[in-house]
PDB file of N, CA and C in Angstrom:
ATOM      1  N   UNK A   1       4.094 -16.350  34.260  1.00  0.00           N
ATOM      2  CA  UNK A   1       3.026 -16.524  33.114  1.00  0.00           C
ATOM      3  C   UNK A   1       3.254 -14.961  32.696  1.00  0.00           C
ATOM      4  N   UNK A   2       2.894 -14.380  33.458  1.00  0.00           N
ATOM      5  CA  UNK A   2       2.853 -12.424  33.003  1.00  0.00           C
ATOM      6  C   UNK A   2       4.265 -12.282  32.322  1.00  0.00           C
ATOM      7  N   UNK A   3       5.091 -12.610  32.761  1.00  0.00           N
ATOM      8  CA  UNK A   3       6.524 -12.113  32.141  1.00  0.00           C
ATOM      9  C   UNK A   3       6.581 -12.725  30.370  1.00  0.00           C
ATOM     10  N   UNK A   4       5.997 -13.670  30.208  1.00  0.00           N
ATOM     11  CA  UNK A   4       5.580 -14.359  29.103  1.00  0.00           C
ATOM     12  C   UNK A   4       4.959 -14.032  28.521  1.00  0.00           C
ATOM     13  N   UNK A   5       3.683 -13.659  28.901  1.00  0.00           N
ATOM     14  CA  UNK A   5       2.730 -12.120  28.303  1.00  0.00           C
ATOM     15  C   UNK A   5       3.290 -11.216  27.731  1.00  0.00           C
ATOM     16  N   UNK A   6       4.277 -10.480  28.423  1.00  0.00           N
ATOM     17  CA  UNK A   6       5.086  -9.241  28.029  1.00  0.00           C
ATOM     18  C   UNK A   6       5.791  -9.184  27.305  1.00  0.00           C
ATOM     19  N   UNK A   7       6.699 -10.897  27.116  1.00  0.00           N
ATOM     20  CA  UNK A   7       7.465 -10.605  26.333  1.00  0.00           C
ATOM     21  C   UNK A   7       6.649 -11.245  24.766  1.00  0.00           C
ATOM     22  N   UNK A   8       5.919 -11.909  24.709  1.00  0.00           N
ATOM     23  CA  UNK A   8       5.438 -11.818  23.036  1.00  0.00           C
ATOM     24  C   UNK A   8       5.599 -10.854  22.186  1.00  0.00           C
ATOM     25  N   UNK A   9       4.335  -9.549  23.004  1.00  0.00           N
ATOM     26  CA  UNK A   9       4.083  -8.262  21.841  1.00  0.00           C
ATOM     27  C   UNK A   9       5.719  -7.901  21.499  1.00  0.00           C
ATOM     28  N   UNK A  10       6.790  -8.290  22.600  1.00  0.00           N
ATOM     29  CA  UNK A  10       7.979  -7.062  22.330  1.00  0.00           C
ATOM     30  C   UNK A  10       8.657  -7.811  20.853  1.00  0.00           C
ATOM     31  N   UNK A  11       8.246  -8.850  21.061  1.00  0.00           N
ATOM     32  CA  UNK A  11       9.035 -10.156  19.794  1.00  0.00           C
ATOM     33  C   UNK A  11       8.647  -9.741  18.534  1.00  0.00           C
ATOM     34  N   UNK A  12       7.295 -10.101  18.344  1.00  0.00           N
ATOM     35  CA  UNK A  12       6.619  -9.510  17.368  1.00  0.00           C
ATOM     36  C   UNK A  12       6.833  -8.204  16.389  1.00  0.00           C
ATOM     37  N   UNK A  13       6.817  -6.979  17.398  1.00  0.00           N
ATOM     38  CA  UNK A  13       6.752  -5.573  16.938  1.00  0.00           C
ATOM     39  C   UNK A  13       8.387  -5.940  16.603  1.00  0.00           C
ATOM     40  N   UNK A  14       9.253  -7.061  17.189  1.00  0.00           N
ATOM     41  CA  UNK A  14      10.795  -6.732  16.729  1.00  0.00           C
ATOM     42  C   UNK A  14      11.014  -7.019  15.631  1.00  0.00           C
ATOM     43  N   UNK A  15      10.058  -7.981  15.084  1.00  0.00           N
ATOM     44  CA  UNK A  15      10.053  -9.090  13.745  1.00  0.00           C
ATOM     45  C   UNK A  15       9.774  -7.970  12.763  1.00  0.00           C
ATOM     46  N   UNK A  16       8.928  -7.201  12.902  1.00  0.00           N
ATOM     47  CA  UNK A  16       8.235  -6.136  11.857  1.00  0.00           C
ATOM     48  C   UNK A  16       8.990  -5.330  11.543  1.00  0.00           C
ATOM     49  N   UNK A  17       9.900  -4.951  11.752  1.00  0.00           N
ATOM     50  CA  UNK A  17      11.155  -4.084  11.216  1.00  0.00           C
ATOM     51  C   UNK A  17      11.800  -4.430  10.871  1.00  0.00           C
ATOM     52  N   UNK A  18      12.012  -5.813  10.201  1.00  0.00           N
ATOM     53  CA  UNK A  18      12.924  -6.424   8.814  1.00  0.00           C
ATOM     54  C   UNK A  18      12.387  -5.442   7.841  1.00  0.00           C
ATOM     55  N   UNK A  19      13.438  -5.625   6.773  1.00  0.00           N
ATOM     56  CA  UNK A  19      13.366  -5.159   5.190  1.00  0.00           C
ATOM     57  C   UNK A  19      14.104  -5.546   4.622  1.00  0.00           C
ATOM     58  N   UNK A  20      13.951  -6.619   3.724  1.00  0.00           N
ATOM     59  CA  UNK A  20      14.454  -7.469   2.863  1.00  0.00           C
ATOM     60  C   UNK A  20      14.243  -7.198   1.395  1.00  0.00           C
ATOM     61  N   UNK A  21      14.592  -7.552   0.572  1.00  0.00           N
ATOM     62  CA  UNK A  21      14.880  -7.577  -0.794  1.00  0.00           C
ATOM     63  C   UNK A  21      13.913  -8.597  -0.789  1.00  0.00           C
ATOM     64  N   UNK A  22      12.790  -8.684  -1.570  1.00  0.00           N
ATOM     65  CA  UNK A  22      11.708  -9.551  -1.927  1.00  0.00           C
ATOM     66  C   UNK A  22      12.521 -10.430  -3.273  1.00  0.00           C
ATOM     67  N   UNK A  23      12.142 -11.607  -2.916  1.00  0.00           N
ATOM     68  CA  UNK A  23      12.663 -12.736  -4.202  1.00  0.00           C
ATOM     69  C   UNK A  23      11.706 -13.750  -4.385  1.00  0.00           C
ATOM     70  N   UNK A  24      11.452 -14.272  -5.017  1.00  0.00           N
ATOM     71  CA  UNK A  24      10.789 -15.444  -5.348  1.00  0.00           C
ATOM     72  C   UNK A  24      11.335 -16.779  -4.648  1.00  0.00           C
ATOM     73  N   UNK A  25      10.651 -17.838  -4.017  1.00  0.00           N
ATOM     74  CA  UNK A  25      11.403 -18.480  -3.935  1.00  0.00           C
ATOM     75  C   UNK A  25      11.920 -19.518  -4.600  1.00  0.00           C
ATOM     76  N   UNK A  26      13.116 -19.696  -3.572  1.00  0.00           N
ATOM     77  CA  UNK A  26      14.063 -21.018  -4.357  1.00  0.00           C
ATOM     78  C   UNK A  26      13.263 -21.984  -4.992  1.00  0.00           C
ATOM     79  N   UNK A  27      13.684 -23.043  -5.901  1.00  0.00           N
ATOM     80  CA  UNK A  27      13.153 -23.540  -7.030  1.00  0.00           C
ATOM     81  C   UNK A  27      11.246 -23.300  -7.217  1.00  0.00           C
ATOM     82  N   UNK A  28      10.934 -22.506  -7.195  1.00  0.00           N
ATOM     83  CA  UNK A  28       9.343 -21.523  -7.240  1.00  0.00           C
ATOM     84  C   UNK A  28       9.846 -21.140  -8.693  1.00  0.00           C
ATOM     85  N   UNK A  29       8.936 -21.232  -9.841  1.00  0.00           N
ATOM     86  CA  UNK A  29       8.735 -20.338 -10.533  1.00  0.00           C
ATOM     87  C   UNK A  29       7.618 -19.002 -10.955  1.00  0.00           C
ATOM     88  N   UNK A  30       7.945 -18.420 -11.497  1.00  0.00           N
ATOM     89  CA  UNK A  30       6.743 -17.021 -11.482  1.00  0.00           C
ATOM     90  C   UNK A  30       5.432 -17.528 -12.080  1.00  0.00           C
ATOM     91  N   UNK A  31       4.921 -16.841 -11.755  1.00  0.00           N
ATOM     92  CA  UNK A  31       3.219 -17.239 -12.515  1.00  0.00           C
ATOM     93  C   UNK A  31       3.497 -16.717 -13.720  1.00  0.00           C
ATOM     94  N   UNK A  32       2.563 -17.218 -14.510  1.00  0.00           N
ATOM     95  CA  UNK A  32       2.513 -17.285 -16.068  1.00  0.00           C
ATOM     96  C   UNK A  32       2.065 -15.899 -16.408  1.00  0.00           C
ATOM     97  N   UNK A  33       2.268 -15.999 -17.591  1.00  0.00           N
ATOM     98  CA  UNK A  33       2.612 -15.026 -18.746  1.00  0.00           C
ATOM     99  C   UNK A  33       0.608 -14.777 -18.456  1.00  0.00           C
ATOM    100  N   UNK A  34       0.402 -13.116 -18.208  1.00  0.00           N
ATOM    101  CA  UNK A  34      -0.538 -12.720 -18.757  1.00  0.00           C
ATOM    102  C   UNK A  34      -1.489 -13.304 -19.606  1.00  0.00           C
ATOM    103  N   UNK A  35      -2.684 -13.147 -19.860  1.00  0.00           N
ATOM    104  CA  UNK A  35      -3.239 -13.651 -21.140  1.00  0.00           C
ATOM    105  C   UNK A  35      -3.229 -12.558 -21.955  1.00  0.00           C
ATOM    106  N   UNK A  36      -2.539 -12.357 -22.987  1.00  0.00           N
ATOM    107  CA  UNK A  36      -2.547 -11.225 -24.492  1.00  0.00           C
ATOM    108  C   UNK A  36      -1.134 -10.737 -24.496  1.00  0.00           C
ATOM    109  N   UNK A  37      -0.342 -11.358 -23.310  1.00  0.00           N
ATOM    110  CA  UNK A  37       0.839  -9.997 -23.210  1.00  0.00           C
ATOM    111  C   UNK A  37       1.849 -11.389 -24.499  1.00  0.00           C
ATOM    112  N   UNK A  38       3.048 -10.597 -24.399  1.00  0.00           N
ATOM    113  CA  UNK A  38       3.887 -10.691 -25.391  1.00  0.00           C
ATOM    114  C   UNK A  38       4.623 -11.772 -25.409  1.00  0.00           C
ATOM    115  N   UNK A  39       5.492 -11.447 -23.539  1.00  0.00           N
ATOM    116  CA  UNK A  39       6.106 -12.164 -22.845  1.00  0.00           C
ATOM    117  C   UNK A  39       6.328 -12.157 -21.424  1.00  0.00           C
ATOM    118  N   UNK A  40       6.416 -13.237 -20.957  1.00  0.00           N
ATOM    119  CA  UNK A  40       6.510 -13.528 -19.108  1.00  0.00           C
ATOM    120  C   UNK A  40       7.036 -12.732 -18.546  1.00  0.00           C
ATOM    121  N   UNK A  41       6.503 -11.826 -17.766  1.00  0.00           N
ATOM    122  CA  UNK A  41       7.271 -10.763 -17.195  1.00  0.00           C
ATOM    123  C   UNK A  41       8.548 -10.955 -15.780  1.00  0.00           C
ATOM    124  N   UNK A  42       9.509  -9.964 -15.737  1.00  0.00           N
ATOM    125  CA  UNK A  42      10.037 -10.437 -14.951  1.00  0.00           C
ATOM    126  C   UNK A  42      10.294 -10.521 -13.675  1.00  0.00           C
ATOM    127  N   UNK A  43      10.791 -10.858 -12.763  1.00  0.00           N
ATOM    128  CA  UNK A  43      10.625 -10.726 -11.335  1.00  0.00           C
ATOM    129  C   UNK A  43      10.356  -8.655 -11.011  1.00  0.00           C
ATOM    130  N   UNK A  44      11.189  -8.586 -11.541  1.00  0.00           N
ATOM    131  CA  UNK A  44      11.419  -7.641 -11.118  1.00  0.00           C
ATOM    132  C   UNK A  44      10.349  -6.264 -11.951  1.00  0.00           C
ATOM    133  N   UNK A  45       9.361  -6.606 -12.638  1.00  0.00           N
ATOM    134  CA  UNK A  45       8.451  -5.946 -13.300  1.00  0.00           C
ATOM    135  C   UNK A  45       7.630  -6.334 -12.468  1.00  0.00           C
ATOM    136  N   UNK A  46       6.790  -7.369 -12.372  1.00  0.00           N
ATOM    137  CA  UNK A  46       6.178  -7.848 -11.232  1.00  0.00           C
ATOM    138  C   UNK A  46       6.017  -7.137  -9.809  1.00  0.00           C
ATOM    139  N   UNK A  47       7.250  -6.744  -9.490  1.00  0.00           N
ATOM    140  CA  UNK A  47       7.079  -6.263  -7.916  1.00  0.00           C
ATOM    141  C   UNK A  47       7.207  -4.633  -8.144  1.00  0.00           C
ATOM    142  N   UNK A  48       7.605  -4.126  -9.462  1.00  0.00           N
ATOM    143  CA  UNK A  48       7.166  -2.362  -9.686  1.00  0.00           C
ATOM    144  C   UNK A  48       5.635  -2.177  -9.796  1.00  0.00           C
ATOM    145  N   UNK A  49       5.220  -1.582  -9.147  1.00  0.00           N
ATOM    146  CA  UNK A  49       3.615  -0.806  -9.109  1.00  0.00           C
ATOM    147  C   UNK A  49       3.833  -0.028 -10.243  1.00  0.00           C
ATOM    148  N   UNK A  50       2.554  -0.029 -10.654  1.00  0.00           N
ATOM    149  CA  UNK A  50       2.063   0.554 -12.009  1.00  0.00           C
ATOM    150  C   UNK A  50       1.990   1.795 -11.660  1.00  0.00           C
ATOM    151  N   UNK A  51       1.131   3.056 -12.294  1.00  0.00           N
ATOM    152  CA  UNK A  51       0.661   4.405 -11.672  1.00  0.00           C
ATOM    153  C   UNK A  51      -0.346   4.226 -11.584  1.00  0.00           C
ATOM    154  N   UNK A  52      -1.147   3.143 -11.599  1.00  0.00           N
ATOM    155  CA  UNK A  52      -2.767   2.880 -11.041  1.00  0.00           C
ATOM    156  C   UNK A  52      -2.801   2.974  -9.952  1.00  0.00           C
ATOM    157  N   UNK A  53      -1.561   1.545  -9.167  1.00  0.00           N
ATOM    158  CA  UNK A  53      -1.861   1.156  -8.356  1.00  0.00           C
ATOM    159  C   UNK A  53      -0.401   2.296  -6.904  1.00  0.00           C
ATOM    160  N   UNK A  54       0.101   3.178  -7.505  1.00  0.00           N
ATOM    161  CA  UNK A  54       0.971   4.239  -6.878  1.00  0.00           C
ATOM    162  C   UNK A  54       0.889   5.463  -7.203  1.00  0.00           C
ATOM    163  N   UNK A  55      -0.265   6.265  -7.357  1.00  0.00           N
ATOM    164  CA  UNK A  55      -0.552   7.414  -8.031  1.00  0.00           C
ATOM    165  C   UNK A  55       0.766   8.793  -7.481  1.00  0.00           C
ATOM    166  N   UNK A  56       0.789   9.413  -8.942  1.00  0.00           N
ATOM    167  CA  UNK A  56       2.140  10.481  -7.694  1.00  0.00           C
ATOM    168  C   UNK A  56       1.246  11.029  -7.196  1.00  0.00           C
ATOM    169  N   UNK A  57       1.610  11.820  -5.935  1.00  0.00           N
ATOM    170  CA  UNK A  57       1.500  13.127  -4.991  1.00  0.00           C
ATOM    171  C   UNK A  57       0.882  14.135  -5.671  1.00  0.00           C
ATOM    172  N   UNK A  58       0.225  14.772  -5.643  1.00  0.00           N
ATOM    173  CA  UNK A  58       0.145  16.255  -5.826  1.00  0.00           C
ATOM    174  C   UNK A  58       0.021  16.868  -4.856  1.00  0.00           C
ATOM    175  N   UNK A  59       0.829  18.066  -4.604  1.00  0.00           N
ATOM    176  CA  UNK A  59       1.317  18.845  -3.957  1.00  0.00           C
ATOM    177  C   UNK A  59       0.952  20.489  -4.084  1.00  0.00           C
ATOM    178  N   UNK A  60       0.190  20.529  -4.909  1.00  0.00           N
ATOM    179  CA  UNK A  60      -0.654  21.712  -5.049  1.00  0.00           C
ATOM    180  C   UNK A  60      -0.913  22.423  -3.747  1.00  0.00           C
ATOM    181  N   UNK A  61      -0.612  23.473  -3.460  1.00  0.00           N
ATOM    182  CA  UNK A  61      -1.255  24.285  -1.910  1.00  0.00           C
ATOM    183  C   UNK A  61      -2.328  25.088  -2.668  1.00  0.00           C
ATOM    184  N   UNK A  62      -3.480  25.214  -1.731  1.00  0.00           N
ATOM    185  CA  UNK A  62      -4.204  26.204  -1.316  1.00  0.00           C
ATOM    186  C   UNK A  62      -4.096  27.234  -1.843  1.00  0.00           C
ATOM    187  N   UNK A  63      -4.443  28.033  -2.733  1.00  0.00           N
ATOM    188  CA  UNK A  63      -3.629  29.610  -2.800  1.00  0.00           C
ATOM    189  C   UNK A  63      -4.815  30.950  -2.244  1.00  0.00           C
ATOM    190  N   UNK A  64      -5.904  30.328  -2.164  1.00  0.00           N
ATOM    191  CA  UNK A  64      -6.964  31.559  -1.869  1.00  0.00           C
ATOM    192  C   UNK A  64      -7.570  29.890  -1.157  1.00  0.00           C
ATOM    193  N   UNK A  65      -8.093  30.790   0.375  1.00  0.00           N
ATOM    194  CA  UNK A  65      -9.681  30.631   1.170  1.00  0.00           C
ATOM    195  C   UNK A  65     -10.531  31.153   0.673  1.00  0.00           C
ATOM    196  N   UNK A  66     -11.605  30.517   0.246  1.00  0.00           N
ATOM    197  CA  UNK A  66     -12.882  30.803   0.079  1.00  0.00           C
ATOM    198  C   UNK A  66     -13.943  30.643   0.640  1.00  0.00           C
ATOM    199  N   UNK A  67     -15.343  31.330   0.799  1.00  0.00           N
ATOM    200  CA  UNK A  67     -16.071  30.978   1.553  1.00  0.00           C
ATOM    201  C   UNK A  67     -17.182  30.286   0.909  1.00  0.00           C
ATOM    202  N   UNK A  68     -17.554  28.973   1.763  1.00  0.00           N
ATOM    203  CA  UNK A  68     -18.149  28.259   0.929  1.00  0.00           C
ATOM    204  C   UNK A  68     -19.877  28.669   0.778  1.00  0.00           C
ATOM    205  N   UNK A  69     -20.587  28.079   0.205  1.00  0.00           N
ATOM    206  CA  UNK A  69     -21.964  28.458  -0.773  1.00  0.00           C
ATOM    207  C   UNK A  69     -22.841  28.018   0.527  1.00  0.00           C
ATOM    208  N   UNK A  70     -23.473  28.126   0.830  1.00  0.00           N
ATOM    209  CA  UNK A  70     -24.696  27.487   1.988  1.00  0.00           C
ATOM    210  C   UNK A  70     -25.305  26.180   1.014  1.00  0.00           C
ATOM    211  N   UNK A  71     -25.434  24.997   2.174  1.00  0.00           N
ATOM    212  CA  UNK A  71     -25.885  24.052   1.233  1.00  0.00           C
ATOM    213  C   UNK A  71     -27.221  24.141   1.289  1.00  0.00           C
ATOM    214  N   UNK A  72     -27.987  23.858   0.936  1.00  0.00           N
ATOM    215  CA  UNK A  72     -29.750  23.800   1.192  1.00  0.00           C
ATOM    216  C   UNK A  72     -29.957  22.355   1.207  1.00  0.00           C
ATOM    217  N   UNK A  73     -28.904  21.447   1.120  1.00  0.00           N
ATOM    218  CA  UNK A  73     -29.679  20.088   1.869  1.00  0.00           C
ATOM    219  C   UNK A  73     -28.969  19.945   2.564  1.00  0.00           C
ATOM    220  N   UNK A  74     -28.064  21.004   3.426  1.00  0.00           N
ATOM    221  CA  UNK A  74     -27.679  20.205   4.604  1.00  0.00           C
ATOM    222  C   UNK A  74     -28.635  21.169   5.942  1.00  0.00           C
ATOM    223  N   UNK A  75     -29.803  19.642   6.471  1.00  0.00           N
ATOM    224  CA  UNK A  75     -30.643  20.186   7.699  1.00  0.00           C
ATOM    225  C   UNK A  75     -30.443  19.388   8.592  1.00  0.00           C
ATOM    226  N   UNK A  76     -30.499  20.201   9.327  1.00  0.00           N
ATOM    227  CA  UNK A  76     -30.605  19.103  11.040  1.00  0.00           C
ATOM    228  C   UNK A  76     -31.751  17.941  11.042  1.00  0.00           C
ATOM    229  N   UNK A  77     -31.256  16.920  11.647  1.00  0.00           N
ATOM    230  CA  UNK A  77     -32.007  15.915  11.529  1.00  0.00           C
ATOM    231  C   UNK A  77     -33.373  16.109  12.402  1.00  0.00           C
ATOM    232  N   UNK A  78     -34.493  15.773  11.506  1.00  0.00           N
ATOM    233  CA  UNK A  78     -36.047  15.717  12.500  1.00  0.00           C
ATOM    234  C   UNK A  78     -36.126  14.913  13.564  1.00  0.00           C
TER     235      UNK A  78
END
């Protein structure tokens, strides 16, 4: 019983490492076109995240460190 309980988590960890291309199921239709859209988006368009879903990363480093001003609202608890 203990051996079975030890194998189950290992099997679950091995299964989550698979990376395959996403495809719609066979004989299944894509979602209907969005309201107000001129045409129905393709599977590739639906799988590509827009800029709001994946914003670009800002790699600007801190150029100078500055002392913080004292915060008048940073009070100890009563």
